[in-house]
Amino acid sequence: MNTTEPVSGQPLLAARGLYKAYGSTPALRGASAQLRAGEFVAVTGPSGSGKSSLLHCMAGIVRPDHGQVTYRDEPLAHASEDRLSELRRSEFAVVFQFGQLIPELTAVDNVSLPLVLGGTDRRDAHGQAHSWLERFGVLDRAEARPGELSGGQEQRVALARALVTGPKIVFADEPTGALDSLAGEQVMTELTTAVRELGAAVLLVTHDATIAAYADREIRLADGRTGALEVSA
């Protein structure tokens, strides 16, 4: 893994000079990062270094107090909520540590939901959802609700939901943090294979060096700041 220079080419997504505070507590202090099409980047650093805040700002989940995020040269810091929602439905996908599936819905309904919200016919959405559940080895749990799934199964369903729309970027915030080491490595292997085939880029937050090793490149944060070499063009 390269921890210094990013790959060549124009960035698909770039963050420059991000500052973010929650009340009086600073989370980001001028952090910068970039992600190119098809690239897998891990964001690492100690607890409280700003890893999740950086990912959330770059995904449009929260807005930075200062600085800029651009997606394909489109500034996102002041984009409308409708535009950000549109991106998260179609071109961005987010996977969290605990999956965050909707507890009242079955696995297949959770996976098909982004497609249905995007206007896909429910039957077609279910067909695509079944294909992704099969790919991640949980098709037999299609009618189960999240409370009936193991941690590993739930995270596989969450990955299927993230990838069913064919996103350009997958944002993964400690996606294996709630799993044991074996399940975590299995999920990462499956995720890596799937995004490579899709041609999607990945921005992954982790504190685990074993998980970070799946990435092409690593960005290290400390006290809300990133190293200059790791974000140079």
Protein backbone atom coordinates (compact mmCIF):
# COMPACT_ATOMS: atom_id res chain seq x y z
CA MET A 1 0.00 0.00 0.00
CA ASN A 2 1.20 3.49 -0.90
CA THR A 3 0.90 5.94 1.98
CA THR A 4 2.43 8.96 0.28
CA GLU A 5 1.51 9.80 -3.29
CA PRO A 6 -1.99 9.36 -4.79
CA VAL A 7 -2.36 7.80 -8.21
CA SER A 8 -2.16 10.02 -11.27
CA GLY A 9 -5.22 11.60 -12.89
CA GLN A 10 -7.83 14.13 -11.92
CA PRO A 11 -9.63 13.43 -8.64
CA LEU A 12 -13.23 12.25 -8.74
CA LEU A 13 -13.79 13.68 -5.26
CA ALA A 14 -11.63 16.22 -3.45
CA ALA A 15 -11.71 17.91 -0.07
CA ARG A 16 -9.56 20.96 0.59
CA GLY A 17 -8.90 22.69 3.87
CA LEU A 18 -11.86 21.27 5.79
CA TYR A 19 -12.67 22.62 9.23
CA LYS A 20 -15.48 21.17 11.32
CA ALA A 21 -16.34 21.62 14.98
CA TYR A 22 -19.11 20.16 17.09
CA GLY A 23 -19.84 22.83 19.66
CA SER A 24 -16.50 23.85 21.10
CA THR A 25 -14.81 20.59 20.06
CA PRO A 26 -12.82 20.75 16.80
CA ALA A 27 -12.98 17.62 14.64
CA LEU A 28 -11.23 18.79 11.47
CA ARG A 29 -8.52 21.43 11.31
CA GLY A 30 -7.72 21.99 7.66
CA ALA A 31 -7.94 18.37 6.51
CA SER A 32 -7.63 17.59 2.80
CA ALA A 33 -8.05 14.40 0.78
CA GLN A 34 -8.77 13.24 -2.71
CA LEU A 35 -10.15 10.14 -4.35
CA ARG A 36 -9.82 9.12 -7.97
CA ALA A 37 -12.12 6.94 -10.06
CA GLY A 38 -11.71 3.28 -9.15
CA GLU A 39 -9.31 4.03 -6.29
CA PHE A 40 -9.58 2.41 -2.85
CA VAL A 41 -8.37 4.77 -0.10
CA ALA A 42 -8.25 4.04 3.63
CA VAL A 43 -8.46 6.87 6.15
CA THR A 44 -6.65 5.92 9.34
CA GLY A 45 -5.63 7.55 12.59
CA PRO A 46 -6.19 7.34 16.34
CA SER A 47 -9.60 7.64 17.94
CA GLY A 48 -10.78 11.25 17.83
CA SER A 49 -8.49 12.20 14.93
CA GLY A 50 -11.42 13.22 12.70
CA LYS A 51 -11.65 10.17 10.42
CA SER A 52 -15.44 9.86 10.44
CA SER A 53 -15.92 13.62 10.26
CA LEU A 54 -13.80 13.73 7.11
CA LEU A 55 -15.79 10.92 5.51
CA HIS A 56 -19.13 12.48 6.49
CA CYS A 57 -18.12 15.84 5.02
CA MET A 58 -16.91 14.26 1.79
CA ALA A 59 -20.13 12.21 1.49
CA GLY A 60 -22.30 15.27 2.02
CA ILE A 61 -23.77 13.90 5.25
CA VAL A 62 -22.56 16.93 7.21
CA ARG A 63 -21.37 20.29 5.95
CA PRO A 64 -17.91 21.59 6.83
CA ASP A 65 -17.66 24.90 8.65
CA HIS A 66 -14.94 25.99 6.23
CA GLY A 67 -13.26 24.50 3.19
CA GLN A 68 -14.54 22.90 0.03
CA VAL A 69 -15.62 19.49 -1.23
CA THR A 70 -15.91 18.97 -4.97
CA TYR A 71 -17.34 16.01 -6.86
CA ARG A 72 -16.40 16.00 -10.54
CA ASP A 73 -15.58 19.69 -10.08
CA GLU A 74 -19.05 20.37 -8.63
CA PRO A 75 -18.79 22.23 -5.28
CA LEU A 76 -20.81 20.38 -2.63
CA ALA A 77 -20.36 22.51 0.47
CA HIS A 78 -23.26 24.75 -0.51
CA ALA A 79 -25.25 22.27 -2.60
CA SER A 80 -28.95 21.98 -1.83
CA GLU A 81 -30.23 19.17 0.37
CA ASP A 82 -32.15 17.87 -2.64
CA ARG A 83 -28.95 17.65 -4.67
CA LEU A 84 -27.08 15.90 -1.87
CA SER A 85 -29.94 13.45 -1.41
CA GLU A 86 -29.93 12.76 -5.14
CA LEU A 87 -26.20 11.99 -5.04
CA ARG A 88 -26.61 9.66 -2.06
CA ARG A 89 -29.43 7.80 -3.86
CA SER A 90 -27.56 7.31 -7.10
CA GLU A 91 -23.80 7.99 -7.17
CA PHE A 92 -22.78 7.86 -3.49
CA ALA A 93 -23.33 4.92 -1.15
CA VAL A 94 -22.60 4.81 2.57
CA VAL A 95 -21.95 1.78 4.78
CA PHE A 96 -21.79 2.27 8.54
CA GLN A 97 -20.34 0.13 11.33
CA PHE A 98 -23.69 -1.32 12.39
CA GLY A 99 -25.31 -1.52 8.96
CA GLN A 100 -28.19 0.80 9.90
CA LEU A 101 -30.78 -1.31 8.16
CA ILE A 102 -34.44 -0.39 8.63
CA PRO A 103 -35.58 -2.85 11.34
CA GLU A 104 -39.17 -3.15 10.10
CA LEU A 105 -38.14 -4.19 6.58
CA THR A 106 -36.93 -7.57 5.37
CA ALA A 107 -33.43 -7.91 3.95
CA VAL A 108 -34.69 -7.83 0.37
CA ASP A 109 -36.81 -4.75 1.05
CA ASN A 110 -33.84 -3.00 2.67
CA VAL A 111 -31.66 -3.71 -0.36
CA SER A 112 -34.31 -2.74 -2.92
CA LEU A 113 -35.29 0.48 -1.10
CA PRO A 114 -32.74 2.78 -2.84
CA LEU A 115 -33.95 1.53 -6.22
CA VAL A 116 -37.62 2.01 -5.34
CA LEU A 117 -36.92 5.52 -4.08
CA GLY A 118 -35.19 6.20 -7.38
CA GLY A 119 -38.27 5.18 -9.33
CA THR A 120 -37.53 1.54 -10.17
CA ASP A 121 -40.51 -0.79 -10.33
CA ARG A 122 -40.75 -2.80 -7.11
CA ARG A 123 -40.61 -6.17 -8.88
CA ASP A 124 -37.49 -5.16 -10.82
CA ALA A 125 -35.95 -3.71 -7.65
CA HIS A 126 -36.53 -7.00 -5.83
CA GLY A 127 -34.94 -8.91 -8.69
CA GLN A 128 -31.79 -6.79 -8.49
CA ALA A 129 -31.80 -7.03 -4.70
CA HIS A 130 -31.99 -10.82 -4.85
CA SER A 131 -28.98 -10.88 -7.20
CA TRP A 132 -26.89 -8.84 -4.76
CA LEU A 133 -28.02 -10.87 -1.75
CA GLU A 134 -26.99 -14.01 -3.62
CA ARG A 135 -23.63 -12.45 -4.43
CA PHE A 136 -22.96 -11.77 -0.76
CA GLY A 137 -24.14 -15.24 0.29
CA VAL A 138 -27.28 -14.18 2.16
CA LEU A 139 -30.03 -14.91 -0.36
CA ASP A 140 -31.44 -17.49 2.05
CA ARG A 141 -32.01 -14.62 4.53
CA ALA A 142 -33.91 -12.42 2.04
CA GLU A 143 -37.14 -12.50 4.05
CA ALA A 144 -35.45 -12.09 7.44
CA ARG A 145 -35.55 -8.79 9.31
CA PRO A 146 -32.36 -7.21 10.69
CA GLY A 147 -33.06 -8.46 14.23
CA GLU A 148 -33.02 -12.01 12.89
CA LEU A 149 -29.59 -11.67 11.24
CA SER A 150 -26.11 -12.21 12.64
CA GLY A 151 -23.72 -9.26 12.60
CA GLY A 152 -21.91 -10.57 9.55
CA GLN A 153 -25.17 -11.24 7.70
CA GLU A 154 -26.48 -7.79 8.53
CA GLN A 155 -23.34 -6.15 7.21
CA ARG A 156 -23.53 -8.18 3.99
CA VAL A 157 -27.09 -6.98 3.50
CA ALA A 158 -25.90 -3.42 4.12
CA LEU A 159 -23.20 -3.86 1.47
CA ALA A 160 -25.77 -5.23 -0.98
CA ARG A 161 -27.97 -2.18 -0.32
CA ALA A 162 -24.99 0.14 -0.88
CA LEU A 163 -23.97 -1.44 -4.19
CA VAL A 164 -27.35 -2.22 -5.75
CA THR A 165 -27.55 1.24 -7.37
CA GLY A 166 -24.11 0.92 -9.00
CA PRO A 167 -22.58 3.89 -7.16
CA LYS A 168 -19.49 5.75 -8.30
CA ILE A 169 -18.20 6.08 -4.70
CA VAL A 170 -18.69 3.87 -1.65
CA PHE A 171 -18.08 5.55 1.71
CA ALA A 172 -17.44 2.93 4.39
CA ASP A 173 -17.22 4.06 8.02
CA GLU A 174 -15.64 1.26 10.10
CA PRO A 175 -17.67 -1.35 8.15
CA THR A 176 -16.08 -4.26 10.03
CA GLY A 177 -15.81 -2.58 13.43
CA ALA A 178 -18.63 -4.66 14.94
CA LEU A 179 -17.43 -7.97 13.49
CA ASP A 180 -14.90 -10.52 14.67
CA SER A 181 -11.65 -10.71 12.71
CA LEU A 182 -12.69 -13.65 10.49
CA ALA A 183 -16.06 -12.15 9.55
CA GLY A 184 -14.39 -8.78 9.02
CA GLU A 185 -11.87 -10.17 6.56
CA GLN A 186 -14.57 -12.11 4.71
CA VAL A 187 -16.70 -8.97 4.36
CA MET A 188 -13.71 -6.93 3.17
CA THR A 189 -12.79 -9.55 0.59
CA GLU A 190 -16.34 -9.56 -0.73
CA LEU A 191 -16.53 -5.75 -0.74
CA THR A 192 -13.20 -5.38 -2.51
CA THR A 193 -14.12 -7.88 -5.22
CA ALA A 194 -17.52 -6.28 -5.82
CA VAL A 195 -16.30 -2.67 -6.06
CA ARG A 196 -13.45 -3.67 -8.38
CA GLU A 197 -15.96 -5.27 -10.74
CA LEU A 198 -18.23 -2.21 -10.54
CA GLY A 199 -15.31 0.16 -11.05
CA ALA A 200 -16.40 2.12 -7.99
CA ALA A 201 -14.07 4.16 -5.80
CA VAL A 202 -13.98 3.52 -2.04
CA LEU A 203 -13.22 5.83 0.86
CA LEU A 204 -12.95 3.66 3.96
CA VAL A 205 -12.43 4.74 7.58
CA THR A 206 -10.74 2.20 9.83
CA HIS A 207 -8.50 1.94 12.87
CA ASP A 208 -7.49 -1.61 11.91
CA ALA A 209 -4.24 -1.99 9.97
CA THR A 210 -5.41 -5.36 8.61
CA ILE A 211 -8.47 -3.71 7.05
CA ALA A 212 -6.47 -0.71 5.80
CA ALA A 213 -4.18 -3.11 3.94
CA TYR A 214 -6.99 -3.82 1.45
CA ALA A 215 -6.69 -0.23 0.17
CA ASP A 216 -4.50 1.12 -2.64
CA ARG A 217 -3.48 4.09 -0.55
CA GLU A 218 -3.75 5.36 3.01
CA ILE A 219 -4.47 8.84 4.34
CA ARG A 220 -3.47 9.32 7.95
CA LEU A 221 -5.17 11.84 10.20
CA ALA A 222 -3.93 13.28 13.46
CA ASP A 223 -5.77 16.00 15.38
CA GLY A 224 -8.02 16.71 12.40
CA ARG A 225 -5.15 17.27 9.97
CA THR A 226 -3.83 15.26 7.02
CA GLY A 227 -0.26 15.01 5.76
CA ALA A 228 0.54 17.25 2.78
CA LEU A 229 2.18 14.48 0.72
CA GLU A 230 -0.84 12.24 1.03
CA VAL A 231 -3.14 14.73 -0.70
CA SER A 232 -0.82 16.30 -3.29
CA ALA A 233 -2.07 16.42 -6.87
